[in-house]
Structures are given as C-alpha cells and as structure tokens.
C-alpha cells in the first residue's frame, strides 16, 4: 500500500508541476500581455482602483496628454458614479518586440448610472465597439502600460 501511495503522490506532483509550467512559466510575451489586459478588464468591472493602478508605469500618458494621476482620478469618479460595469473584449491584436509591445484592443463597455432614477446603460448597444491602442513596456518580468490612444 505504501509504494502505491508514493507512486500516486509522484503522479499528482508531476501533473501539478506540468500545469504550473504551462500556465505560468512557458507563456509567450503575447499571452502575458493578454493577461494584463484581462486584469485591467476585471479591475474596471470590480471598481478596484488599486489593482488598476498597478498595471501602469509611473510615467504613463495618454493621447490627450493626461497623466496617470489624472486618469486614476477620472476612473475613481467613474467607479463612484456607475454600477454593473461590464467590458466585453471583442478582439485584440498584440505585437511584442523586445521590451516594448503594442496592442490594439476592440471592446464594448456597458455600465449603469447610479445617479439616474431610470435604469439605463451608458453604452446601450453591442454595435458601440471602441478601439484602444495600448503601448506596453517590460519592467523586470512584468508588462506595464505606458501609453494609450483611443481611436
């Protein structure tokens, strides 16, 4: 019975090691960037300003010249004024080269206004697909957002 348990433990350990390697170690740079985009989506839907801020570099700027603090202030106001935030990623294309990468993400954003007596969505239909171009830089082993451009 003891050799069987050792064998079973070894098999479980081997499977677990393989799963960890495939899900966390042997990822392409594009897959790592997809995970950053997914973390951003979840952060916005949950209204987590701290999780969202960790995805950006300190010298972040957007196409209109806003800094990270200004963007986070706008996000906090949006979080406090809306409920039931949902983001559907319609598609993305990612190009990574060295320590820089660029992604073009198409998405639909829905949310309800807390300040209205009528339940209405700020983005009412699924045809309202928006596109954002995101520039990433690799900081140690992590990808962070350094610039965005809404198209």
Protein backbone atom coordinates (compact mmCIF):
# COMPACT_ATOMS: atom_id res chain seq x y z
CA UNK A 1 0.00 0.00 0.00
CA UNK A 2 2.84 2.41 0.82
CA UNK A 3 4.53 2.08 -2.62
CA UNK A 4 1.17 2.77 -4.28
CA UNK A 5 0.69 5.98 -2.26
CA UNK A 6 4.22 7.13 -3.13
CA UNK A 7 3.53 6.41 -6.80
CA UNK A 8 0.19 8.28 -6.62
CA UNK A 9 1.87 11.24 -4.89
CA UNK A 10 4.58 11.32 -7.58
CA UNK A 11 1.97 11.32 -10.38
CA UNK A 12 -0.01 14.14 -8.73
CA UNK A 13 3.20 16.13 -8.19
CA UNK A 14 4.20 15.61 -11.84
CA UNK A 15 0.78 16.75 -13.09
CA UNK A 16 0.84 19.79 -10.81
CA UNK A 17 4.36 20.73 -11.94
CA UNK A 18 3.34 20.44 -15.59
CA UNK A 19 0.27 22.60 -15.01
CA UNK A 20 2.33 25.32 -13.27
CA UNK A 21 4.95 25.29 -16.03
CA UNK A 22 2.38 25.53 -18.82
CA UNK A 23 0.30 28.24 -17.13
CA UNK A 24 2.96 30.46 -15.60
CA UNK A 25 6.44 29.75 -16.98
CA UNK A 26 6.14 28.78 -20.64
CA UNK A 27 3.99 31.72 -21.70
CA UNK A 28 4.71 33.79 -24.76
CA UNK A 29 5.05 37.55 -24.33
CA UNK A 30 1.74 37.99 -26.15
CA UNK A 31 -0.01 35.70 -23.65
CA UNK A 32 1.49 37.69 -20.76
CA UNK A 33 0.14 40.90 -22.30
CA UNK A 34 -3.29 39.29 -22.78
CA UNK A 35 -3.28 38.56 -19.04
CA UNK A 36 -2.51 42.21 -18.27
CA UNK A 37 -5.44 43.27 -20.47
CA UNK A 38 -7.68 40.76 -18.67
CA UNK A 39 -6.54 42.07 -15.26
CA UNK A 40 -7.41 45.56 -16.43
CA UNK A 41 -10.86 44.43 -17.54
CA UNK A 42 -11.53 42.76 -14.20
CA UNK A 43 -10.22 45.79 -12.28
CA UNK A 44 -12.60 48.14 -14.09
CA UNK A 45 -15.57 45.80 -13.69
CA UNK A 46 -14.85 45.40 -9.96
CA UNK A 47 -14.10 49.09 -9.45
CA UNK A 48 -10.66 48.35 -7.99
CA UNK A 49 -8.55 51.48 -8.43
CA UNK A 50 -5.54 49.88 -6.68
CA UNK A 51 -5.45 46.84 -8.99
CA UNK A 52 -5.88 49.10 -11.98
CA UNK A 53 -3.08 51.48 -10.95
CA UNK A 54 -0.61 48.59 -10.62
CA UNK A 55 -0.95 47.91 -14.35
CA UNK A 56 0.53 51.29 -15.35
CA UNK A 57 4.02 52.78 -15.32
CA UNK A 58 4.57 55.92 -13.24
CA UNK A 59 5.34 57.98 -16.37
CA UNK A 60 2.12 56.93 -18.14
CA UNK A 61 0.44 59.37 -20.51
CA UNK A 62 -2.46 59.08 -22.91
CA UNK A 63 -3.07 60.62 -26.33
CA UNK A 64 -4.73 63.69 -24.79
CA UNK A 65 -1.74 64.32 -22.50
CA UNK A 66 -3.30 63.16 -19.24
CA UNK A 67 -1.01 61.72 -16.58
CA UNK A 68 -1.51 58.60 -14.51
CA UNK A 69 -2.92 60.57 -11.56
CA UNK A 70 -5.44 62.32 -13.80
CA UNK A 71 -6.55 59.04 -15.38
CA UNK A 72 -6.88 57.36 -11.98
CA UNK A 73 -8.90 60.32 -10.69
CA UNK A 74 -11.25 60.03 -13.66
CA UNK A 75 -11.52 56.27 -13.12
CA UNK A 76 -12.35 56.76 -9.42
CA UNK A 77 -15.12 59.24 -10.32
CA UNK A 78 -16.48 56.79 -12.90
CA UNK A 79 -16.38 53.96 -10.35
CA UNK A 80 -18.32 56.01 -7.80
CA UNK A 81 -20.92 57.16 -10.36
CA UNK A 82 -21.61 53.83 -12.06
CA UNK A 83 -22.66 50.27 -11.25
CA UNK A 84 -22.80 46.98 -13.11
CA UNK A 85 -19.76 47.78 -15.23
CA UNK A 86 -19.16 45.17 -17.95
CA UNK A 87 -16.46 45.09 -20.59
CA UNK A 88 -16.64 42.66 -23.47
CA UNK A 89 -13.35 42.26 -25.34
CA UNK A 90 -14.37 41.94 -28.99
CA UNK A 91 -10.85 41.18 -30.17
CA UNK A 92 -7.24 42.16 -29.90
CA UNK A 93 -4.00 42.09 -31.82
CA UNK A 94 -0.67 42.14 -30.00
CA UNK A 95 2.84 42.72 -31.34
CA UNK A 96 5.76 42.32 -28.93
CA UNK A 97 9.35 43.14 -29.75
CA UNK A 98 12.00 43.09 -27.04
CA UNK A 99 10.96 45.24 -24.07
CA UNK A 100 8.17 47.04 -25.94
CA UNK A 101 4.82 45.86 -27.19
CA UNK A 102 1.74 47.30 -28.77
CA UNK A 103 -1.82 46.02 -28.57
CA UNK A 104 -4.94 47.11 -30.34
CA UNK A 105 -8.00 46.11 -28.32
CA UNK A 106 -11.60 46.31 -29.51
CA UNK A 107 -14.16 46.34 -26.71
CA UNK A 108 -17.72 47.19 -25.72
CA UNK A 109 -18.28 48.92 -22.37
CA UNK A 110 -21.62 48.87 -20.55
CA UNK A 111 -22.48 50.40 -17.19
CA UNK A 112 -25.45 51.75 -15.28
CA UNK A 113 -25.54 55.27 -13.90
CA UNK A 114 -26.10 55.44 -10.13
CA UNK A 115 -27.44 58.99 -10.44
CA UNK A 116 -30.46 58.14 -12.53
CA UNK A 117 -33.91 57.08 -11.40
CA UNK A 118 -34.26 55.03 -14.56
CA UNK A 119 -32.03 52.03 -15.13
CA UNK A 120 -30.27 52.85 -18.35
CA UNK A 121 -26.98 51.84 -19.79
CA UNK A 122 -24.45 54.47 -20.78
CA UNK A 123 -23.43 52.34 -23.74
CA UNK A 124 -26.66 50.79 -24.88
CA UNK A 125 -25.92 48.58 -27.83
CA UNK A 126 -23.38 45.98 -28.83
CA UNK A 127 -22.54 47.84 -32.02
CA UNK A 128 -20.73 50.52 -29.99
CA UNK A 129 -17.33 48.83 -30.37
CA UNK A 130 -14.46 51.06 -29.31
CA UNK A 131 -10.79 50.60 -30.06
CA UNK A 132 -7.81 51.49 -27.91
CA UNK A 133 -4.14 51.22 -28.82
CA UNK A 134 -2.04 50.31 -25.78
CA UNK A 135 1.75 50.59 -25.59
CA UNK A 136 3.43 48.31 -23.05
CA UNK A 137 6.95 48.30 -21.64
CA UNK A 138 8.54 45.38 -19.87
CA UNK A 139 9.56 46.25 -16.32
CA UNK A 140 11.60 43.35 -14.92
CA UNK A 141 9.42 40.38 -15.91
CA UNK A 142 6.13 42.33 -15.87
CA UNK A 143 4.47 44.18 -18.69
CA UNK A 144 3.04 47.60 -17.78
CA UNK A 145 1.01 50.13 -19.73
CA UNK A 146 2.93 53.31 -20.59
CA UNK A 147 0.65 54.94 -23.20
CA UNK A 148 -2.89 54.61 -24.56
CA UNK A 149 -4.54 56.09 -27.60
CA UNK A 150 -8.31 55.85 -28.12
CA UNK A 151 -9.14 55.55 -31.78
